[in-house]
């Protein structure tokens, strides 16, 4: 997953349970990968340029996330069995 031009790309990613997704910040500004719902599994620190954050999705479902620094940046991961 790319973080580029103040957007997550792709905005919807479909993966199977057990898949590890890695986000890479390609912007000059810092970004986070944070679950939109409280208690969600995604909680990255602020990612500097070229920094990465990975998460292994073990349960099926739709995981909506955003950048807490720039909340207009939203996307989701859809996990199936």
PDB file of N, CA and C in Angstrom:
ATOM      1  N   UNK A   1       0.852  -1.172   0.000  1.00  0.00           N
ATOM      2  CA  UNK A   1       0.000   0.000   0.000  1.00  0.00           C
ATOM      3  C   UNK A   1       0.896   1.232   0.000  1.00  0.00           C
ATOM      4  N   UNK A   2       0.550   2.154  -0.874  1.00  0.00           N
ATOM      5  CA  UNK A   2       1.310   3.396  -0.956  1.00  0.00           C
ATOM      6  C   UNK A   2       0.557   4.511  -0.241  1.00  0.00           C
ATOM      7  N   UNK A   3       1.312   5.362   0.412  1.00  0.00           N
ATOM      8  CA  UNK A   3       0.791   6.614   0.946  1.00  0.00           C
ATOM      9  C   UNK A   3       1.491   7.687   0.128  1.00  0.00           C
ATOM     10  N   UNK A   4       0.728   8.299  -0.772  1.00  0.00           N
ATOM     11  CA  UNK A   4       1.330   9.208  -1.747  1.00  0.00           C
ATOM     12  C   UNK A   4       0.331  10.293  -2.123  1.00  0.00           C
ATOM     13  N   UNK A   5       0.812  11.513  -2.246  1.00  0.00           N
ATOM     14  CA  UNK A   5      -0.039  12.648  -2.621  1.00  0.00           C
ATOM     15  C   UNK A   5      -1.232  12.795  -1.672  1.00  0.00           C
ATOM     16  N   UNK A   6      -0.966  12.601  -0.371  1.00  0.00           N
ATOM     17  CA  UNK A   6      -1.999  12.722   0.658  1.00  0.00           C
ATOM     18  C   UNK A   6      -3.180  11.798   0.396  1.00  0.00           C
ATOM     19  N   UNK A   7      -2.881  10.554   0.011  1.00  0.00           N
ATOM     20  CA  UNK A   7      -3.920   9.543  -0.215  1.00  0.00           C
ATOM     21  C   UNK A   7      -3.324   8.151  -0.007  1.00  0.00           C
ATOM     22  N   UNK A   8      -4.186   7.216   0.377  1.00  0.00           N
ATOM     23  CA  UNK A   8      -3.806   5.817   0.436  1.00  0.00           C
ATOM     24  C   UNK A   8      -4.147   5.188  -0.908  1.00  0.00           C
ATOM     25  N   UNK A   9      -3.261   4.362  -1.422  1.00  0.00           N
ATOM     26  CA  UNK A   9      -3.503   3.741  -2.723  1.00  0.00           C
ATOM     27  C   UNK A   9      -3.155   2.257  -2.664  1.00  0.00           C
ATOM     28  N   UNK A  10      -4.135   1.407  -3.002  1.00  0.00           N
ATOM     29  CA  UNK A  10      -5.501   1.724  -3.429  1.00  0.00           C
ATOM     30  C   UNK A  10      -6.379   2.115  -2.235  1.00  0.00           C
ATOM     31  N   UNK A  11      -7.514   2.731  -2.520  1.00  0.00           N
ATOM     32  CA  UNK A  11      -8.416   3.128  -1.442  1.00  0.00           C
ATOM     33  C   UNK A  11      -9.159   1.932  -0.871  1.00  0.00           C
ATOM     34  N   UNK A  12      -9.315   0.868  -1.652  1.00  0.00           N
ATOM     35  CA  UNK A  12      -9.886  -0.383  -1.162  1.00  0.00           C
ATOM     36  C   UNK A  12      -8.952  -1.511  -1.559  1.00  0.00           C
ATOM     37  N   UNK A  13      -8.505  -2.266  -0.572  1.00  0.00           N
ATOM     38  CA  UNK A  13      -7.636  -3.413  -0.811  1.00  0.00           C
ATOM     39  C   UNK A  13      -8.362  -4.654  -0.336  1.00  0.00           C
ATOM     40  N   UNK A  14      -8.428  -5.688  -1.188  1.00  0.00           N
ATOM     41  CA  UNK A  14      -9.081  -6.938  -0.823  1.00  0.00           C
ATOM     42  C   UNK A  14      -8.017  -8.013  -0.649  1.00  0.00           C
ATOM     43  N   UNK A  15      -8.011  -8.636   0.542  1.00  0.00           N
ATOM     44  CA  UNK A  15      -7.022  -9.669   0.858  1.00  0.00           C
ATOM     45  C   UNK A  15      -7.705 -10.829   1.568  1.00  0.00           C
ATOM     46  N   UNK A  16      -7.002 -11.959   1.642  1.00  0.00           N
ATOM     47  CA  UNK A  16      -7.483 -13.111   2.387  1.00  0.00           C
ATOM     48  C   UNK A  16      -6.958 -13.029   3.822  1.00  0.00           C
ATOM     49  N   UNK A  17      -7.703 -13.605   4.758  1.00  0.00           N
ATOM     50  CA  UNK A  17      -7.269 -13.668   6.152  1.00  0.00           C
ATOM     51  C   UNK A  17      -5.884 -14.306   6.209  1.00  0.00           C
ATOM     52  N   UNK A  18      -5.024 -13.762   7.041  1.00  0.00           N
ATOM     53  CA  UNK A  18      -3.657 -14.244   7.158  1.00  0.00           C
ATOM     54  C   UNK A  18      -2.658 -13.416   6.380  1.00  0.00           C
ATOM     55  N   UNK A  19      -3.154 -12.469   5.577  1.00  0.00           N
ATOM     56  CA  UNK A  19      -2.292 -11.623   4.760  1.00  0.00           C
ATOM     57  C   UNK A  19      -1.710 -10.478   5.590  1.00  0.00           C
ATOM     58  N   UNK A  20      -0.435 -10.210   5.396  1.00  0.00           N
ATOM     59  CA  UNK A  20       0.200  -9.051   6.008  1.00  0.00           C
ATOM     60  C   UNK A  20       0.238  -7.930   4.975  1.00  0.00           C
ATOM     61  N   UNK A  21      -0.279  -6.781   5.362  1.00  0.00           N
ATOM     62  CA  UNK A  21      -0.293  -5.599   4.494  1.00  0.00           C
ATOM     63  C   UNK A  21       0.748  -4.623   5.024  1.00  0.00           C
ATOM     64  N   UNK A  22       1.534  -4.055   4.113  1.00  0.00           N
ATOM     65  CA  UNK A  22       2.539  -3.068   4.483  1.00  0.00           C
ATOM     66  C   UNK A  22       2.256  -1.758   3.772  1.00  0.00           C
ATOM     67  N   UNK A  23       2.225  -0.685   4.539  1.00  0.00           N
ATOM     68  CA  UNK A  23       2.048   0.662   4.009  1.00  0.00           C
ATOM     69  C   UNK A  23       3.412   1.335   3.973  1.00  0.00           C
ATOM     70  N   UNK A  24       3.690   2.081   2.910  1.00  0.00           N
ATOM     71  CA  UNK A  24       4.942   2.832   2.784  1.00  0.00           C
ATOM     72  C   UNK A  24       4.611   4.293   2.508  1.00  0.00           C
ATOM     73  N   UNK A  25       5.131   5.182   3.353  1.00  0.00           N
ATOM     74  CA  UNK A  25       4.890   6.611   3.159  1.00  0.00           C
ATOM     75  C   UNK A  25       5.833   7.146   2.090  1.00  0.00           C
ATOM     76  N   UNK A  26       5.257   7.597   0.985  1.00  0.00           N
ATOM     77  CA  UNK A  26       6.035   8.162  -0.111  1.00  0.00           C
ATOM     78  C   UNK A  26       5.916   9.686  -0.170  1.00  0.00           C
ATOM     79  N   UNK A  27       5.257  10.275   0.826  1.00  0.00           N
ATOM     80  CA  UNK A  27       5.126  11.729   0.900  1.00  0.00           C
ATOM     81  C   UNK A  27       6.237  12.321   1.759  1.00  0.00           C
ATOM     82  N   UNK A  28       6.455  13.624   1.610  1.00  0.00           N
ATOM     83  CA  UNK A  28       7.424  14.333   2.454  1.00  0.00           C
ATOM     84  C   UNK A  28       6.846  14.581   3.849  1.00  0.00           C
ATOM     85  N   UNK A  29       5.520  14.631   3.964  1.00  0.00           N
ATOM     86  CA  UNK A  29       4.859  14.836   5.249  1.00  0.00           C
ATOM     87  C   UNK A  29       4.651  13.505   5.960  1.00  0.00           C
ATOM     88  N   UNK A  30       4.590  13.546   7.279  1.00  0.00           N
ATOM     89  CA  UNK A  30       4.313  12.345   8.071  1.00  0.00           C
ATOM     90  C   UNK A  30       2.839  11.973   7.971  1.00  0.00           C
ATOM     91  N   UNK A  31       2.560  10.671   8.053  1.00  0.00           N
ATOM     92  CA  UNK A  31       1.191  10.150   8.040  1.00  0.00           C
ATOM     93  C   UNK A  31       1.086   9.001   9.028  1.00  0.00           C
ATOM     94  N   UNK A  32      -0.143   8.677   9.422  1.00  0.00           N
ATOM     95  CA  UNK A  32      -0.393   7.502  10.249  1.00  0.00           C
ATOM     96  C   UNK A  32      -1.347   6.568   9.526  1.00  0.00           C
ATOM     97  N   UNK A  33      -1.383   5.334   9.994  1.00  0.00           N
ATOM     98  CA  UNK A  33      -2.374   4.346   9.556  1.00  0.00           C
ATOM     99  C   UNK A  33      -3.111   3.956  10.830  1.00  0.00           C
ATOM    100  N   UNK A  34      -4.344   4.457  10.984  1.00  0.00           N
ATOM    101  CA  UNK A  34      -5.076   4.290  12.239  1.00  0.00           C
ATOM    102  C   UNK A  34      -6.511   3.864  11.967  1.00  0.00           C
ATOM    103  N   UNK A  35      -6.964   2.862  12.700  1.00  0.00           N
ATOM    104  CA  UNK A  35      -8.343   2.397  12.554  1.00  0.00           C
ATOM    105  C   UNK A  35      -9.310   3.540  12.806  1.00  0.00           C
ATOM    106  N   UNK A  36     -10.346   3.616  11.968  1.00  0.00           N
ATOM    107  CA  UNK A  36     -11.362   4.653  12.135  1.00  0.00           C
ATOM    108  C   UNK A  36     -12.235   4.356  13.352  1.00  0.00           C
ATOM    109  N   UNK A  37     -12.477   3.075  13.635  1.00  0.00           N
ATOM    110  CA  UNK A  37     -13.293   2.688  14.787  1.00  0.00           C
ATOM    111  C   UNK A  37     -12.400   2.537  16.011  1.00  0.00           C
ATOM    112  N   UNK A  38     -12.910   2.976  17.156  1.00  0.00           N
ATOM    113  CA  UNK A  38     -12.117   2.810  18.375  1.00  0.00           C
ATOM    114  C   UNK A  38     -11.940   1.325  18.653  1.00  0.00           C
ATOM    115  N   UNK A  39     -10.777   0.969  19.125  1.00  0.00           N
ATOM    116  CA  UNK A  39     -10.491  -0.427  19.393  1.00  0.00           C
ATOM    117  C   UNK A  39     -10.064  -1.220  18.169  1.00  0.00           C
ATOM    118  N   UNK A  40      -9.946  -0.558  17.013  1.00  0.00           N
ATOM    119  CA  UNK A  40      -9.515  -1.240  15.798  1.00  0.00           C
ATOM    120  C   UNK A  40      -8.055  -1.641  15.882  1.00  0.00           C
ATOM    121  N   UNK A  41      -7.614  -2.514  14.995  1.00  0.00           N
ATOM    122  CA  UNK A  41      -6.266  -3.076  15.109  1.00  0.00           C
ATOM    123  C   UNK A  41      -5.130  -2.206  14.564  1.00  0.00           C
ATOM    124  N   UNK A  42      -5.447  -1.157  13.831  1.00  0.00           N
ATOM    125  CA  UNK A  42      -4.396  -0.381  13.171  1.00  0.00           C
ATOM    126  C   UNK A  42      -4.015   0.835  14.006  1.00  0.00           C
ATOM    127  N   UNK A  43      -2.721   0.899  14.399  1.00  0.00           N
ATOM    128  CA  UNK A  43      -2.243   1.981  15.264  1.00  0.00           C
ATOM    129  C   UNK A  43      -0.786   2.269  14.937  1.00  0.00           C
ATOM    130  N   UNK A  44      -0.518   2.870  13.798  1.00  0.00           N
ATOM    131  CA  UNK A  44       0.881   3.149  13.468  1.00  0.00           C
ATOM    132  C   UNK A  44       1.337   4.431  14.162  1.00  0.00           C
ATOM    133  N   UNK A  45       2.633   4.547  14.382  1.00  0.00           N
ATOM    134  CA  UNK A  45       3.170   5.851  14.785  1.00  0.00           C
ATOM    135  C   UNK A  45       3.159   6.769  13.564  1.00  0.00           C
ATOM    136  N   UNK A  46       3.544   8.013  13.750  1.00  0.00           N
ATOM    137  CA  UNK A  46       3.699   8.909  12.605  1.00  0.00           C
ATOM    138  C   UNK A  46       4.834   8.359  11.745  1.00  0.00           C
ATOM    139  N   UNK A  47       4.540   8.144  10.464  1.00  0.00           N
ATOM    140  CA  UNK A  47       5.513   7.561   9.543  1.00  0.00           C
ATOM    141  C   UNK A  47       6.217   8.662   8.764  1.00  0.00           C
ATOM    142  N   UNK A  48       7.512   8.748   8.911  1.00  0.00           N
ATOM    143  CA  UNK A  48       8.306   9.698   8.137  1.00  0.00           C
ATOM    144  C   UNK A  48       8.410   9.197   6.695  1.00  0.00           C
ATOM    145  N   UNK A  49       8.972  10.002   5.834  1.00  0.00           N
ATOM    146  CA  UNK A  49       9.153   9.612   4.429  1.00  0.00           C
ATOM    147  C   UNK A  49       9.909   8.294   4.343  1.00  0.00           C
ATOM    148  N   UNK A  50       9.391   7.377   3.544  1.00  0.00           N
ATOM    149  CA  UNK A  50       9.942   6.038   3.294  1.00  0.00           C
ATOM    150  C   UNK A  50       9.769   5.069   4.455  1.00  0.00           C
ATOM    151  N   UNK A  51       9.162   5.500   5.552  1.00  0.00           N
ATOM    152  CA  UNK A  51       8.914   4.590   6.668  1.00  0.00           C
ATOM    153  C   UNK A  51       7.763   3.657   6.310  1.00  0.00           C
ATOM    154  N   UNK A  52       7.736   2.483   6.949  1.00  0.00           N
ATOM    155  CA  UNK A  52       6.690   1.497   6.673  1.00  0.00           C
ATOM    156  C   UNK A  52       5.987   1.089   7.960  1.00  0.00           C
ATOM    157  N   UNK A  53       4.779   0.560   7.771  1.00  0.00           N
ATOM    158  CA  UNK A  53       3.983  -0.003   8.866  1.00  0.00           C
ATOM    159  C   UNK A  53       3.301  -1.236   8.308  1.00  0.00           C
ATOM    160  N   UNK A  54       3.354  -2.343   9.054  1.00  0.00           N
ATOM    161  CA  UNK A  54       2.739  -3.590   8.598  1.00  0.00           C
ATOM    162  C   UNK A  54       1.753  -4.105   9.629  1.00  0.00           C
ATOM    163  N   UNK A  55       0.715  -4.787   9.135  1.00  0.00           N
ATOM    164  CA  UNK A  55      -0.271  -5.430  10.000  1.00  0.00           C
ATOM    165  C   UNK A  55      -0.747  -6.705   9.322  1.00  0.00           C
ATOM    166  N   UNK A  56      -0.838  -7.785  10.109  1.00  0.00           N
ATOM    167  CA  UNK A  56      -1.360  -9.054   9.606  1.00  0.00           C
ATOM    168  C   UNK A  56      -2.831  -9.141   9.964  1.00  0.00           C
ATOM    169  N   UNK A  57      -3.673  -9.267   8.950  1.00  0.00           N
ATOM    170  CA  UNK A  57      -5.117  -9.352   9.139  1.00  0.00           C
ATOM    171  C   UNK A  57      -5.504 -10.820   9.302  1.00  0.00           C
ATOM    172  N   UNK A  58      -5.987 -11.193  10.488  1.00  0.00           N
ATOM    173  CA  UNK A  58      -6.312 -12.587  10.774  1.00  0.00           C
ATOM    174  C   UNK A  58      -7.808 -12.878  10.741  1.00  0.00           C
ATOM    175  N   UNK A  59      -8.630 -11.853  10.902  1.00  0.00           N
ATOM    176  CA  UNK A  59     -10.085 -12.042  10.940  1.00  0.00           C
ATOM    177  C   UNK A  59     -10.761 -11.388   9.741  1.00  0.00           C
ATOM    178  N   UNK A  60     -11.715 -12.092   9.112  1.00  0.00           N
ATOM    179  CA  UNK A  60     -12.475 -11.469   8.014  1.00  0.00           C
ATOM    180  C   UNK A  60     -13.237 -10.240   8.507  1.00  0.00           C
ATOM    181  N   UNK A  61     -13.443  -9.299   7.608  1.00  0.00           N
ATOM    182  CA  UNK A  61     -14.185  -8.087   7.930  1.00  0.00           C
ATOM    183  C   UNK A  61     -13.697  -6.926   7.094  1.00  0.00           C
ATOM    184  N   UNK A  62     -14.310  -5.784   7.300  1.00  0.00           N
ATOM    185  CA  UNK A  62     -13.907  -4.556   6.618  1.00  0.00           C
ATOM    186  C   UNK A  62     -13.259  -3.644   7.647  1.00  0.00           C
ATOM    187  N   UNK A  63     -12.041  -3.250   7.355  1.00  0.00           N
ATOM    188  CA  UNK A  63     -11.257  -2.428   8.269  1.00  0.00           C
ATOM    189  C   UNK A  63     -11.056  -1.049   7.640  1.00  0.00           C
ATOM    190  N   UNK A  64     -11.797  -0.071   8.135  1.00  0.00           N
ATOM    191  CA  UNK A  64     -11.703   1.300   7.642  1.00  0.00           C
ATOM    192  C   UNK A  64     -10.627   2.008   8.460  1.00  0.00           C
ATOM    193  N   UNK A  65      -9.773   2.753   7.771  1.00  0.00           N
ATOM    194  CA  UNK A  65      -8.700   3.449   8.476  1.00  0.00           C
ATOM    195  C   UNK A  65      -8.480   4.833   7.888  1.00  0.00           C
ATOM    196  N   UNK A  66      -7.690   5.619   8.617  1.00  0.00           N
ATOM    197  CA  UNK A  66      -7.424   6.997   8.210  1.00  0.00           C
ATOM    198  C   UNK A  66      -6.058   7.418   8.725  1.00  0.00           C
ATOM    199  N   UNK A  67      -5.646   8.598   8.297  1.00  0.00           N
ATOM    200  CA  UNK A  67      -4.448   9.248   8.832  1.00  0.00           C
ATOM    201  C   UNK A  67      -4.935  10.219   9.899  1.00  0.00           C
ATOM    202  N   UNK A  68      -4.486  10.049  11.141  1.00  0.00           N
ATOM    203  CA  UNK A  68      -4.966  10.934  12.204  1.00  0.00           C
ATOM    204  C   UNK A  68      -4.430  12.354  12.057  1.00  0.00           C
ATOM    205  N   UNK A  69      -3.347  12.524  11.330  1.00  0.00           N
ATOM    206  CA  UNK A  69      -2.792  13.864  11.096  1.00  0.00           C
ATOM    207  C   UNK A  69      -3.600  14.584  10.013  1.00  0.00           C
ATOM    208  N   UNK A  70      -4.065  13.817   9.013  1.00  0.00           N
ATOM    209  CA  UNK A  70      -4.837  14.352   7.888  1.00  0.00           C
ATOM    210  C   UNK A  70      -6.096  13.485   7.748  1.00  0.00           C
ATOM    211  N   UNK A  71      -7.139  13.734   8.566  1.00  0.00           N
ATOM    212  CA  UNK A  71      -8.297  12.839   8.628  1.00  0.00           C
ATOM    213  C   UNK A  71      -9.111  12.706   7.336  1.00  0.00           C
ATOM    214  N   UNK A  72      -8.849  13.554   6.358  1.00  0.00           N
ATOM    215  CA  UNK A  72      -9.528  13.409   5.065  1.00  0.00           C
ATOM    216  C   UNK A  72      -8.960  12.220   4.287  1.00  0.00           C
ATOM    217  N   UNK A  73      -7.820  11.708   4.713  1.00  0.00           N
ATOM    218  CA  UNK A  73      -7.213  10.540   4.061  1.00  0.00           C
ATOM    219  C   UNK A  73      -7.833   9.281   4.647  1.00  0.00           C
ATOM    220  N   UNK A  74      -8.678   8.599   3.873  1.00  0.00           N
ATOM    221  CA  UNK A  74      -9.335   7.390   4.358  1.00  0.00           C
ATOM    222  C   UNK A  74      -9.212   6.289   3.317  1.00  0.00           C
ATOM    223  N   UNK A  75      -9.308   5.050   3.791  1.00  0.00           N
ATOM    224  CA  UNK A  75      -9.276   3.881   2.915  1.00  0.00           C
ATOM    225  C   UNK A  75      -9.780   2.683   3.724  1.00  0.00           C
ATOM    226  N   UNK A  76      -9.799   1.506   3.080  1.00  0.00           N
ATOM    227  CA  UNK A  76     -10.244   0.312   3.807  1.00  0.00           C
ATOM    228  C   UNK A  76      -9.568  -0.928   3.262  1.00  0.00           C
ATOM    229  N   UNK A  77      -9.502  -1.922   4.141  1.00  0.00           N
ATOM    230  CA  UNK A  77      -9.019  -3.255   3.770  1.00  0.00           C
ATOM    231  C   UNK A  77     -10.182  -4.204   3.983  1.00  0.00           C
ATOM    232  N   UNK A  78     -10.547  -4.953   2.940  1.00  0.00           N
ATOM    233  CA  UNK A  78     -11.612  -5.951   3.034  1.00  0.00           C
ATOM    234  C   UNK A  78     -10.952  -7.321   3.098  1.00  0.00           C
ATOM    235  N   UNK A  79     -11.199  -8.021   4.220  1.00  0.00           N
ATOM    236  CA  UNK A  79     -10.555  -9.311   4.472  1.00  0.00           C
ATOM    237  C   UNK A  79     -11.592 -10.419   4.354  1.00  0.00           C
ATOM    238  N   UNK A  80     -11.284 -11.416   3.518  1.00  0.00           N
ATOM    239  CA  UNK A  80     -12.170 -12.567   3.354  1.00  0.00           C
ATOM    240  C   UNK A  80     -11.437 -13.830   3.812  1.00  0.00           C
ATOM    241  N   UNK A  81     -12.171 -14.932   3.969  1.00  0.00           N
ATOM    242  CA  UNK A  81     -11.571 -16.203   4.368  1.00  0.00           C
ATOM    243  C   UNK A  81     -10.787 -16.799   3.238  1.00  0.00           C
TER     244      UNK A  81
END
